[in-house]
Amino acid sequence: MTIPSPAITRRHALAATGAAALTSGLGLRPASAQMATIRQGYQTNIWGMPTYYLLKSGALEKRGIKFEEFAVASGNLTMQQMVARQVDMGTYAAQSFIIGHDAIAQIEYVGKTAQIVARKDLNITKVEELRGRKVANQTGSSIGNVFVDIIAPKAGLKKGDFQEVRMDVNNMAAALAAKTVDAFVGVEPFNEIAVAEGFGVSLMDFSSIDKMPVFMAATPDFVQKNPDTVVAYLKAWQEVASDFKNNPGKVSDLIFSYFSSKGFTMSRETLAKALARVEVNPGFPAGLEPDLRRDAEVLLREKKIEAIPDWKKALRPDLWAKAAA
């Protein structure tokens, strides 16, 4: 679950072909070209649910696109799958994107869904009160990096001031309920489950520190070989965005069914609160670079990357523009 060492990052693995592959040949094939099968990676927490909804909505099939699902606990694992060419597309937040980058669209903001949740019976109200406590954290994930590199130091906590317990985000609420950890760095819907069940209290969300944009990335070789599929895929995202805006009940019902099928027990109200914290608006907004540069500078300082990415190659708004045309 740790981030790959610089020697095997996607930045090294893909940079040589990244910019050319993302743009070459787009729109040159006839519209009747056969669509490729997409191997789609996504997270099994709330961050991945817009992608899960895309897969189940029928929007891809409508455009002749077949897909295979590859669900993992967090986006940094999807990033590693892309390094190994096990998936063609996947979502992950900015920190993982910076470590291995080739974004074709921004899907959502999830800063409000990332929270630090503590055991309610300990009466902890501030992050600085985690000193000496056991804190569950998915090491190597985007939220794990933000907590360790930014939030904890800002609260006066350095490495060693708290006991970091490496854990999958899907298991954190259960660990908090069992009192095997004192707090966790988690994502929805697990934060809201802990609060709704009465054993957890949210200390803060990450939105004041980082809005946490989640990107959809594609391997450049897939884009080079299947430009029509990429454009059609992004058009499907435009349709899904309309559902999130205009038909939230339909979206919530499908996602509720997903978590229920995985054995998670929560009320529809709990899921609705968790889902409301996800800002789904696929596209490529202007002004991404300053925040990404700030995140990259932190990763560079912590020696998790070797250099600041070339944003002109890493960010490709022209792909979304072609799909929207």
Protein backbone atom coordinates (compact mmCIF):
# COMPACT_ATOMS: atom_id res chain seq x y z
CA MET A 1 0.00 0.00 0.00
CA THR A 2 3.02 2.29 0.03
CA ILE A 3 3.80 4.61 -2.86
CA PRO A 4 6.21 3.12 -5.39
CA SER A 5 9.80 4.28 -5.06
CA PRO A 6 10.90 6.94 -7.56
CA ALA A 7 12.58 4.24 -9.63
CA ILE A 8 9.22 2.69 -10.58
CA THR A 9 6.86 5.67 -10.61
CA ARG A 10 4.53 6.14 -13.54
CA ARG A 11 6.27 9.45 -14.17
CA HIS A 12 9.35 7.46 -15.18
CA ALA A 13 7.42 4.64 -16.79
CA LEU A 14 5.17 6.81 -18.94
CA ALA A 15 6.68 10.26 -19.36
CA ALA A 16 8.55 9.35 -22.53
CA THR A 17 5.31 8.77 -24.41
CA GLY A 18 2.84 10.75 -22.29
CA ALA A 19 2.24 14.01 -24.13
CA ALA A 20 2.43 12.64 -27.66
CA ALA A 21 0.29 9.62 -26.85
CA LEU A 22 -2.45 11.66 -25.24
CA THR A 23 -2.91 13.84 -28.30
CA SER A 24 -1.82 11.87 -31.33
CA GLY A 25 -4.54 10.70 -33.64
CA LEU A 26 -7.49 12.06 -31.66
CA GLY A 27 -10.48 12.49 -33.92
CA LEU A 28 -8.71 11.05 -36.97
CA ARG A 29 -10.56 7.74 -37.04
CA PRO A 30 -14.06 7.52 -38.49
CA ALA A 31 -16.95 7.78 -36.02
CA SER A 32 -17.92 4.20 -36.88
CA ALA A 33 -14.64 2.79 -35.55
CA GLN A 34 -15.07 -0.11 -33.17
CA MET A 35 -14.73 0.85 -29.50
CA ALA A 36 -12.05 -0.80 -27.39
CA THR A 37 -12.73 -2.62 -24.12
CA ILE A 38 -11.66 -0.47 -21.16
CA ARG A 39 -10.11 -1.99 -18.06
CA GLN A 40 -11.46 0.45 -15.48
CA GLY A 41 -9.96 0.88 -12.02
CA TYR A 42 -11.80 2.63 -9.19
CA GLN A 43 -11.85 2.93 -5.39
CA THR A 44 -14.41 1.08 -3.29
CA ASN A 45 -14.97 4.10 -1.05
CA ILE A 46 -17.13 7.11 -1.89
CA TRP A 47 -14.44 8.57 -4.17
CA GLY A 48 -14.88 5.70 -6.62
CA MET A 49 -18.67 5.72 -6.60
CA PRO A 50 -19.10 8.22 -9.46
CA THR A 51 -17.01 5.86 -11.60
CA TYR A 52 -18.98 2.86 -10.33
CA TYR A 53 -22.18 4.69 -11.28
CA LEU A 54 -20.75 5.38 -14.74
CA LEU A 55 -20.11 1.65 -15.22
CA LYS A 56 -23.63 0.68 -14.13
CA SER A 57 -25.55 3.54 -15.76
CA GLY A 58 -25.52 2.15 -19.28
CA ALA A 59 -23.84 5.29 -20.63
CA LEU A 60 -20.82 3.35 -21.87
CA GLU A 61 -22.81 0.56 -23.54
CA LYS A 62 -24.89 3.23 -25.30
CA ARG A 63 -21.68 4.31 -26.99
CA GLY A 64 -20.55 0.79 -27.82
CA ILE A 65 -17.91 0.66 -25.08
CA LYS A 66 -17.30 -2.57 -23.17
CA PHE A 67 -15.44 -2.58 -19.87
CA GLU A 68 -13.87 -4.72 -17.16
CA GLU A 69 -13.97 -3.60 -13.50
CA PHE A 70 -10.94 -3.48 -11.21
CA ALA A 71 -12.00 -2.32 -7.73
CA VAL A 72 -9.37 -1.50 -5.08
CA ALA A 73 -9.36 0.16 -1.67
CA SER A 74 -7.62 3.41 -2.69
CA GLY A 75 -6.47 5.33 -5.72
CA ASN A 76 -2.74 4.87 -5.15
CA LEU A 77 -3.33 1.15 -5.75
CA THR A 78 -5.05 1.96 -9.05
CA MET A 79 -2.04 4.09 -9.95
CA GLN A 80 0.23 1.09 -9.31
CA GLN A 81 -2.03 -1.10 -11.45
CA MET A 82 -1.60 1.40 -14.26
CA VAL A 83 2.18 1.23 -13.91
CA ALA A 84 1.90 -2.53 -14.39
CA ARG A 85 -0.57 -2.04 -17.27
CA GLN A 86 -3.22 -4.05 -15.44
CA VAL A 87 -5.81 -1.31 -16.01
CA ASP A 88 -6.24 1.31 -18.71
CA MET A 89 -8.06 4.00 -16.73
CA GLY A 90 -8.50 4.85 -13.09
CA THR A 91 -9.32 7.58 -10.58
CA TYR A 92 -7.04 8.98 -7.94
CA ALA A 93 -6.49 12.24 -6.12
CA ALA A 94 -3.85 14.85 -6.80
CA GLN A 95 -1.05 13.37 -4.69
CA SER A 96 -1.13 10.04 -6.52
CA PHE A 97 -1.65 11.84 -9.82
CA ILE A 98 1.50 13.90 -9.26
CA ILE A 99 3.57 10.80 -8.53
CA GLY A 100 2.44 9.25 -11.81
CA HIS A 101 0.58 11.57 -14.09
CA ASP A 102 -1.47 11.55 -17.31
CA ALA A 103 -4.87 13.06 -16.43
CA ILE A 104 -7.60 13.20 -19.07
CA ALA A 105 -10.27 14.84 -16.87
CA GLN A 106 -11.04 16.01 -13.37
CA ILE A 107 -14.05 14.12 -12.05
CA GLU A 108 -14.81 15.49 -8.60
CA TYR A 109 -13.67 17.30 -5.46
CA VAL A 110 -13.55 15.15 -2.32
CA GLY A 111 -11.93 17.33 0.35
CA LYS A 112 -15.11 17.26 2.45
CA THR A 113 -15.22 13.45 2.35
CA ALA A 114 -11.73 13.05 3.83
CA GLN A 115 -11.87 13.38 7.60
CA ILE A 116 -10.05 12.60 10.83
CA VAL A 117 -12.43 10.67 13.08
CA ALA A 118 -11.71 9.90 16.76
CA ARG A 119 -13.33 7.61 19.31
CA LYS A 120 -16.17 9.50 20.92
CA ASP A 121 -15.52 8.05 24.38
CA LEU A 122 -12.01 9.57 24.47
CA ASN A 123 -13.43 13.13 24.29
CA ILE A 124 -10.82 14.17 21.73
CA THR A 125 -11.76 17.43 20.03
CA LYS A 126 -8.54 18.56 18.29
CA VAL A 127 -5.95 16.95 16.03
CA GLU A 128 -3.15 17.90 18.45
CA GLU A 129 -4.80 15.66 21.07
CA LEU A 130 -3.84 12.62 18.98
CA ARG A 131 -0.37 12.76 20.51
CA GLY A 132 0.44 9.30 21.87
CA ARG A 133 -2.66 7.81 20.24
CA LYS A 134 -3.07 4.97 17.73
CA VAL A 135 -4.13 6.48 14.42
CA ALA A 136 -5.24 4.25 11.53
CA ASN A 137 -3.93 5.50 8.20
CA GLN A 138 -3.74 4.02 4.72
CA THR A 139 -0.07 4.73 4.16
CA GLY A 140 0.74 5.91 0.66
CA SER A 141 -2.78 7.08 -0.14
CA SER A 142 -3.52 10.71 -0.97
CA ILE A 143 -5.29 11.36 2.33
CA GLY A 144 -2.53 9.52 4.17
CA ASN A 145 0.06 11.84 2.64
CA VAL A 146 -1.95 14.98 3.39
CA PHE A 147 -2.38 13.94 7.02
CA VAL A 148 1.26 12.99 7.64
CA ASP A 149 2.89 15.74 5.57
CA ILE A 150 0.55 18.70 6.20
CA ILE A 151 -2.18 18.30 8.82
CA ALA A 152 -0.20 16.56 11.57
CA PRO A 153 2.78 18.97 11.39
CA LYS A 154 0.39 21.93 11.36
CA ALA A 155 -1.05 20.57 14.64
CA GLY A 156 2.45 20.26 16.11
CA LEU A 157 2.69 16.50 15.60
CA LYS A 158 5.80 15.04 14.03
CA LYS A 159 6.49 11.44 13.10
CA GLY A 160 6.69 9.41 16.28
CA ASP A 161 4.31 11.63 18.24
CA PHE A 162 1.48 9.24 17.37
CA GLN A 163 1.41 5.54 16.50
CA GLU A 164 0.49 5.14 12.84
CA VAL A 165 -1.46 1.93 12.26
CA ARG A 166 -1.41 0.95 8.60
CA MET A 167 -4.91 -0.05 7.55
CA ASP A 168 -7.26 -0.26 4.59
CA VAL A 169 -9.78 2.61 4.78
CA ASN A 170 -12.63 0.11 4.44
CA ASN A 171 -11.73 -1.43 7.81
CA MET A 172 -11.17 1.71 9.85
CA ALA A 173 -14.67 2.27 11.24
CA ALA A 174 -14.81 -1.33 12.47
CA ALA A 175 -11.40 -0.93 14.13
CA LEU A 176 -12.55 2.27 15.84
CA ALA A 177 -15.72 0.56 17.08
CA ALA A 178 -13.61 -2.31 18.44
CA LYS A 179 -11.31 0.24 20.16
CA THR A 180 -8.20 -1.22 18.52
CA VAL A 181 -7.38 2.31 17.28
CA ASP A 182 -8.10 5.70 18.80
CA ALA A 183 -8.68 7.58 15.56
CA PHE A 184 -8.53 7.12 11.83
CA VAL A 185 -7.80 9.13 8.70
CA GLY A 186 -10.74 8.05 6.60
CA VAL A 187 -13.13 8.70 3.76
CA GLU A 188 -16.87 8.43 3.28
CA PRO A 189 -19.08 6.60 3.86
CA PHE A 190 -17.02 5.14 6.71
CA ASN A 191 -16.66 8.48 8.53
CA GLU A 192 -20.42 9.03 8.53
CA ILE A 193 -21.05 5.44 9.62
CA ALA A 194 -18.83 5.96 12.69
CA VAL A 195 -20.59 9.20 13.58
CA ALA A 196 -24.10 7.88 12.91
CA GLU A 197 -23.48 4.75 14.97
CA GLY A 198 -22.38 6.91 17.91
CA PHE A 199 -18.82 5.65 18.45
CA GLY A 200 -16.98 8.28 16.38
CA VAL A 201 -16.66 12.04 16.22
CA SER A 202 -15.23 13.98 13.27
CA LEU A 203 -12.39 16.30 14.24
CA MET A 204 -12.10 17.97 10.83
CA ASP A 205 -12.43 17.44 7.11
CA PHE A 206 -9.68 18.23 4.62
CA SER A 207 -11.49 20.87 2.55
CA SER A 208 -9.86 23.79 4.38
CA ILE A 209 -6.44 22.26 3.70
CA ASP A 210 -6.98 20.70 0.28
CA LYS A 211 -10.08 20.52 -1.94
CA MET A 212 -8.62 17.21 -3.19
CA PRO A 213 -9.52 17.01 -6.87
CA VAL A 214 -9.92 13.46 -8.14
CA PHE A 215 -8.65 12.85 -11.66
CA MET A 216 -9.44 10.28 -14.30
CA ALA A 217 -6.21 9.06 -15.82
CA ALA A 218 -5.51 6.84 -18.80
CA THR A 219 -2.32 5.11 -19.83
CA PRO A 220 -0.88 6.97 -22.84
CA ASP A 221 -0.51 3.82 -24.91
CA PHE A 222 -4.25 3.11 -24.52
CA VAL A 223 -5.09 6.65 -25.63
CA GLN A 224 -2.75 6.39 -28.61
CA LYS A 225 -4.30 3.13 -29.80
CA ASN A 226 -7.94 3.98 -29.01
CA PRO A 227 -8.57 7.72 -29.46
CA ASP A 228 -12.23 7.31 -30.44
CA THR A 229 -12.90 5.22 -27.35
CA VAL A 230 -11.39 7.90 -25.11
CA VAL A 231 -13.52 10.65 -26.62
CA ALA A 232 -16.69 8.51 -26.40
CA TYR A 233 -15.79 7.63 -22.80
CA LEU A 234 -15.54 11.29 -21.83
CA LYS A 235 -18.89 11.96 -23.54
CA ALA A 236 -20.39 9.26 -21.27
CA TRP A 237 -19.06 11.18 -18.27
CA GLN A 238 -20.98 14.24 -19.43
CA GLU A 239 -24.19 12.20 -19.33
CA VAL A 240 -23.40 10.83 -15.87
CA ALA A 241 -22.70 14.33 -14.56
CA SER A 242 -26.26 15.26 -15.51
CA ASP A 243 -27.61 12.37 -13.39
CA PHE A 244 -25.66 13.53 -10.32
CA LYS A 245 -27.09 17.01 -10.76
CA ASN A 246 -30.65 16.27 -11.85
CA ASN A 247 -31.43 12.76 -10.58
CA PRO A 248 -29.63 12.33 -7.23
CA GLY A 249 -32.17 9.80 -5.97
CA LYS A 250 -31.35 7.41 -8.80
CA VAL A 251 -27.63 7.82 -8.12
CA SER A 252 -28.04 7.30 -4.38
CA ASP A 253 -30.15 4.15 -4.83
CA LEU A 254 -27.53 2.49 -7.03
CA ILE A 255 -24.65 3.36 -4.72
CA PHE A 256 -26.62 2.29 -1.65
CA SER A 257 -27.15 -1.09 -3.29
CA TYR A 258 -23.41 -1.38 -3.88
CA PHE A 259 -22.46 -0.88 -0.24
CA SER A 260 -25.29 -3.12 0.95
CA SER A 261 -24.04 -5.89 -1.35
CA LYS A 262 -20.61 -5.61 0.28
CA GLY A 263 -22.04 -6.13 3.76
CA PHE A 264 -21.92 -2.55 5.01
CA THR A 265 -24.93 -1.66 7.13
CA MET A 266 -26.04 1.96 7.07
CA SER A 267 -29.23 3.86 6.59
CA ARG A 268 -30.06 5.61 3.35
CA GLU A 269 -29.87 8.87 5.29
CA THR A 270 -26.29 8.08 6.33
CA LEU A 271 -25.28 7.39 2.75
CA ALA A 272 -27.04 10.52 1.52
CA LYS A 273 -25.03 12.65 3.96
CA ALA A 274 -21.80 10.97 2.86
CA LEU A 275 -22.60 11.29 -0.84
CA ALA A 276 -23.54 14.96 -0.46
CA ARG A 277 -19.92 15.70 0.44
CA VAL A 278 -18.73 14.62 -3.01
CA GLU A 279 -18.71 17.47 -5.54
CA VAL A 280 -19.18 15.66 -8.86
CA ASN A 281 -18.57 17.94 -11.83
CA PRO A 282 -16.52 16.23 -14.56
CA GLY A 283 -14.48 18.53 -16.74
CA PHE A 284 -11.20 20.42 -16.70
CA PRO A 285 -11.51 23.63 -14.66
CA ALA A 286 -9.01 26.41 -15.10
CA GLY A 287 -6.56 27.25 -12.35
CA LEU A 288 -5.53 23.73 -11.27
CA GLU A 289 -1.81 24.38 -11.39
CA PRO A 290 -1.29 26.44 -8.18
CA ASP A 291 -2.80 23.80 -5.89
CA LEU A 292 -1.09 20.96 -7.73
CA ARG A 293 2.24 22.80 -7.54
CA ARG A 294 1.79 23.21 -3.78
CA ASP A 295 1.09 19.48 -3.36
CA ALA A 296 4.05 18.62 -5.57
CA GLU A 297 6.36 20.82 -3.51
CA VAL A 298 5.34 18.92 -0.36
CA LEU A 299 5.95 15.55 -2.07
CA LEU A 300 9.31 16.81 -3.33
CA ARG A 301 10.26 17.96 0.16
CA GLU A 302 9.31 14.57 1.59
CA LYS A 303 11.36 12.88 -1.19
CA LYS A 304 8.33 11.08 -2.61
CA ILE A 305 8.99 12.48 -6.08
CA GLU A 306 12.26 13.51 -7.74
CA ALA A 307 11.02 16.61 -9.59
CA ILE A 308 8.00 18.86 -10.07
CA PRO A 309 5.95 17.56 -13.04
CA ASP A 310 5.68 19.47 -16.29
CA TRP A 311 2.06 20.59 -16.03
CA LYS A 312 1.77 21.28 -19.76
CA LYS A 313 2.29 17.57 -20.32
CA ALA A 314 0.45 16.34 -17.22
CA LEU A 315 -2.80 18.28 -17.67
CA ARG A 316 -4.65 17.72 -20.94
CA PRO A 317 -7.81 19.87 -21.01
CA ASP A 318 -7.89 19.56 -24.81
CA LEU A 319 -9.15 15.98 -24.53
CA TRP A 320 -12.24 17.04 -22.60
CA ALA A 321 -12.74 19.93 -25.01
CA LYS A 322 -12.80 17.51 -27.93
CA ALA A 323 -15.39 15.34 -26.19
CA ALA A 324 -17.52 18.39 -25.39
CA ALA A 325 -17.38 19.74 -28.94
